[in-house]
Each structure stands twice: as structure tokens, then as C-alpha cells.
Amino acid sequence: MTIPHVSTALRQTLERHRFSLVLQPGVPVGEETAHLVLDHGGETFHAGRVSHDRGLWSAFAVVRPQGLWRADEVGRYESFEDAVLAVLMSFTYVE
């Protein structure tokens, strides 16, 4: 899988704020997952992920730095870009 297309404006915003999309290797076809990570001076921090399942993209944002369940589902979207935007607008902590 390759990362689905996102608009130039979103790609530039991600780059400007040092975010990148990283594919999760080893997932079955049709269940793709991309992680949204922040590059901070040589370290990377996880802000959330978007997962494709049954035709929709589920957005999960990191909302609690500690605890068993750090991420909450923040929505299901038809487009990959909408799911990425939901993670960007919802995360409160990067791990």
C-alpha cells in the first residue's frame, strides 16, 4: 500500500508543522493503517493513526499520555484526508 493522496494544502501543513504519515507494515490488504507522527529534533512522537476497514477510514487520536487506552476513535470518514484532519484537530498529546 502507498499513502493515499492528500491535497497540496494538507501536505504543506503537515510538513510545516513537522508531521509525517508513516505506513504500518504487515497489515492485510484492505485493512491499511497510516500513523501520524511528529518529528521533534530527531525524536518521533505518535499523534494518532488512521485505519481503513470496510470502506471507511477510522481516525484515532492520542488523548491520554498515560493509561491503558491512550487513543480514542474520533470518527469514521469516507476520505483518507478527512480522517487525517480529524486526528490533527483532536490529538491532545504526542507519545
C-alpha atoms as a PDB file:
ATOM      1  CA  MET A   1       0.000   0.000   0.000  1.00  0.00           C
ATOM      2  CA  THR A   2       1.065   3.555  -0.594  1.00  0.00           C
ATOM      3  CA  ILE A   3      -0.185   6.525   1.361  1.00  0.00           C
ATOM      4  CA  PRO A   4      -3.380   7.794  -0.260  1.00  0.00           C
ATOM      5  CA  HIS A   5      -3.317  11.186  -1.949  1.00  0.00           C
ATOM      6  CA  VAL A   6      -3.840  14.254   0.216  1.00  0.00           C
ATOM      7  CA  SER A   7      -4.250  17.792  -1.042  1.00  0.00           C
ATOM      8  CA  THR A   8      -1.241  20.034  -1.510  1.00  0.00           C
ATOM      9  CA  ALA A   9      -2.503  22.334   1.249  1.00  0.00           C
ATOM     10  CA  LEU A  10      -2.705  19.481   3.789  1.00  0.00           C
ATOM     11  CA  ARG A  11       0.678  18.070   2.760  1.00  0.00           C
ATOM     12  CA  GLN A  12       2.277  21.511   3.174  1.00  0.00           C
ATOM     13  CA  THR A  13       0.617  21.959   6.568  1.00  0.00           C
ATOM     14  CA  LEU A  14       1.896  18.572   7.736  1.00  0.00           C
ATOM     15  CA  GLU A  15       5.423  19.422   6.573  1.00  0.00           C
ATOM     16  CA  ARG A  16       5.347  22.920   8.069  1.00  0.00           C
ATOM     17  CA  HIS A  17       4.418  21.529  11.494  1.00  0.00           C
ATOM     18  CA  ARG A  18       6.874  18.590  11.142  1.00  0.00           C
ATOM     19  CA  PHE A  19       4.213  15.871  10.883  1.00  0.00           C
ATOM     20  CA  SER A  20       4.506  12.920   8.562  1.00  0.00           C
ATOM     21  CA  LEU A  21       2.416   9.917   7.607  1.00  0.00           C
ATOM     22  CA  VAL A  22       4.049   6.523   8.124  1.00  0.00           C
ATOM     23  CA  LEU A  23       2.561   3.266   6.854  1.00  0.00           C
ATOM     24  CA  GLN A  24       2.234   0.339   9.219  1.00  0.00           C
ATOM     25  CA  PRO A  25       3.884  -2.687   7.633  1.00  0.00           C
ATOM     26  CA  GLY A  26       2.407  -6.162   7.643  1.00  0.00           C
ATOM     27  CA  VAL A  27      -1.312  -5.392   7.690  1.00  0.00           C
ATOM     28  CA  PRO A  28      -3.690  -7.386   5.485  1.00  0.00           C
ATOM     29  CA  VAL A  29      -4.797  -5.944   2.158  1.00  0.00           C
ATOM     30  CA  GLY A  30      -7.900  -3.803   2.637  1.00  0.00           C
ATOM     31  CA  GLU A  31      -7.045  -3.010   6.263  1.00  0.00           C
ATOM     32  CA  GLU A  32      -4.360  -0.386   5.719  1.00  0.00           C
ATOM     33  CA  THR A  33      -3.107   1.782   8.585  1.00  0.00           C
ATOM     34  CA  ALA A  34      -1.114   5.006   8.474  1.00  0.00           C
ATOM     35  CA  HIS A  35       0.331   6.641  11.588  1.00  0.00           C
ATOM     36  CA  LEU A  36       0.614  10.387  12.070  1.00  0.00           C
ATOM     37  CA  VAL A  37       3.939  11.173  13.715  1.00  0.00           C
ATOM     38  CA  LEU A  38       5.648  14.381  14.797  1.00  0.00           C
ATOM     39  CA  ASP A  39       9.373  14.797  14.206  1.00  0.00           C
ATOM     40  CA  HIS A  40      10.812  16.738  17.128  1.00  0.00           C
ATOM     41  CA  GLY A  41      14.562  17.200  16.978  1.00  0.00           C
ATOM     42  CA  GLY A  42      15.469  13.672  15.963  1.00  0.00           C
ATOM     43  CA  GLU A  43      12.739  12.037  18.037  1.00  0.00           C
ATOM     44  CA  THR A  44       9.394  10.985  16.655  1.00  0.00           C
ATOM     45  CA  PHE A  45       6.164  11.122  18.611  1.00  0.00           C
ATOM     46  CA  HIS A  46       2.931   9.334  17.767  1.00  0.00           C
ATOM     47  CA  ALA A  47      -0.116  11.628  17.479  1.00  0.00           C
ATOM     48  CA  GLY A  48      -2.612   9.104  16.118  1.00  0.00           C
ATOM     49  CA  ARG A  49      -3.476   6.800  13.259  1.00  0.00           C
ATOM     50  CA  VAL A  50      -5.996   6.276  10.502  1.00  0.00           C
ATOM     51  CA  SER A  51      -7.105   2.767   9.616  1.00  0.00           C
ATOM     52  CA  HIS A  52      -9.031   1.603   6.564  1.00  0.00           C
ATOM     53  CA  ASP A  53     -11.618  -1.072   7.233  1.00  0.00           C
ATOM     54  CA  ARG A  54     -14.768  -1.994   5.315  1.00  0.00           C
ATOM     55  CA  GLY A  55     -14.658   1.072   3.086  1.00  0.00           C
ATOM     56  CA  LEU A  56     -14.231   3.729   5.785  1.00  0.00           C
ATOM     57  CA  TRP A  57     -11.231   5.407   7.375  1.00  0.00           C
ATOM     58  CA  SER A  58     -11.305   5.366  11.183  1.00  0.00           C
ATOM     59  CA  ALA A  59      -9.383   8.147  12.920  1.00  0.00           C
ATOM     60  CA  PHE A  60      -7.750   7.537  16.306  1.00  0.00           C
ATOM     61  CA  ALA A  61      -6.077  10.404  18.176  1.00  0.00           C
ATOM     62  CA  VAL A  62      -3.824  10.188  21.233  1.00  0.00           C
ATOM     63  CA  VAL A  63      -5.728  11.925  24.022  1.00  0.00           C
ATOM     64  CA  ARG A  64      -4.140  10.496  27.185  1.00  0.00           C
ATOM     65  CA  PRO A  65      -0.378  10.306  27.682  1.00  0.00           C
ATOM     66  CA  GLN A  66      -0.633   7.576  30.310  1.00  0.00           C
ATOM     67  CA  GLY A  67      -3.038   4.705  30.689  1.00  0.00           C
ATOM     68  CA  LEU A  68      -4.070   1.510  29.080  1.00  0.00           C
ATOM     69  CA  TRP A  69      -6.083   3.147  26.274  1.00  0.00           C
ATOM     70  CA  ARG A  70      -4.168   6.213  25.080  1.00  0.00           C
ATOM     71  CA  ALA A  71      -6.095   6.833  21.874  1.00  0.00           C
ATOM     72  CA  ASP A  72      -9.776   7.414  21.229  1.00  0.00           C
ATOM     73  CA  GLU A  73     -11.635   6.942  17.976  1.00  0.00           C
ATOM     74  CA  VAL A  74     -12.574  10.425  16.821  1.00  0.00           C
ATOM     75  CA  GLY A  75     -14.626   9.492  13.783  1.00  0.00           C
ATOM     76  CA  ARG A  76     -15.135   7.427  10.631  1.00  0.00           C
ATOM     77  CA  TYR A  77     -14.729   9.050   7.252  1.00  0.00           C
ATOM     78  CA  GLU A  78     -15.081   8.186   3.600  1.00  0.00           C
ATOM     79  CA  SER A  79     -11.903  10.050   2.685  1.00  0.00           C
ATOM     80  CA  PHE A  80      -8.391   9.500   3.978  1.00  0.00           C
ATOM     81  CA  GLU A  81      -7.781  13.246   4.114  1.00  0.00           C
ATOM     82  CA  ASP A  82     -10.806  13.874   6.357  1.00  0.00           C
ATOM     83  CA  ALA A  83      -9.577  11.185   8.754  1.00  0.00           C
ATOM     84  CA  VAL A  84      -6.090  12.737   8.896  1.00  0.00           C
ATOM     85  CA  LEU A  85      -7.626  16.150   9.583  1.00  0.00           C
ATOM     86  CA  ALA A  86      -9.708  14.662  12.410  1.00  0.00           C
ATOM     87  CA  VAL A  87      -6.567  13.300  14.069  1.00  0.00           C
ATOM     88  CA  LEU A  88      -4.805  16.655  13.689  1.00  0.00           C
ATOM     89  CA  MET A  89      -7.738  18.504  15.255  1.00  0.00           C
ATOM     90  CA  SER A  90      -8.273  16.003  18.078  1.00  0.00           C
ATOM     91  CA  PHE A  91      -4.954  14.868  19.483  1.00  0.00           C
ATOM     92  CA  THR A  92      -4.012  16.425  22.805  1.00  0.00           C
ATOM     93  CA  TYR A  93      -0.717  14.711  23.445  1.00  0.00           C
ATOM     94  CA  VAL A  94       2.005  13.073  21.407  1.00  0.00           C
ATOM     95  CA  GLU A  95       3.653   9.938  22.755  1.00  0.00           C
END
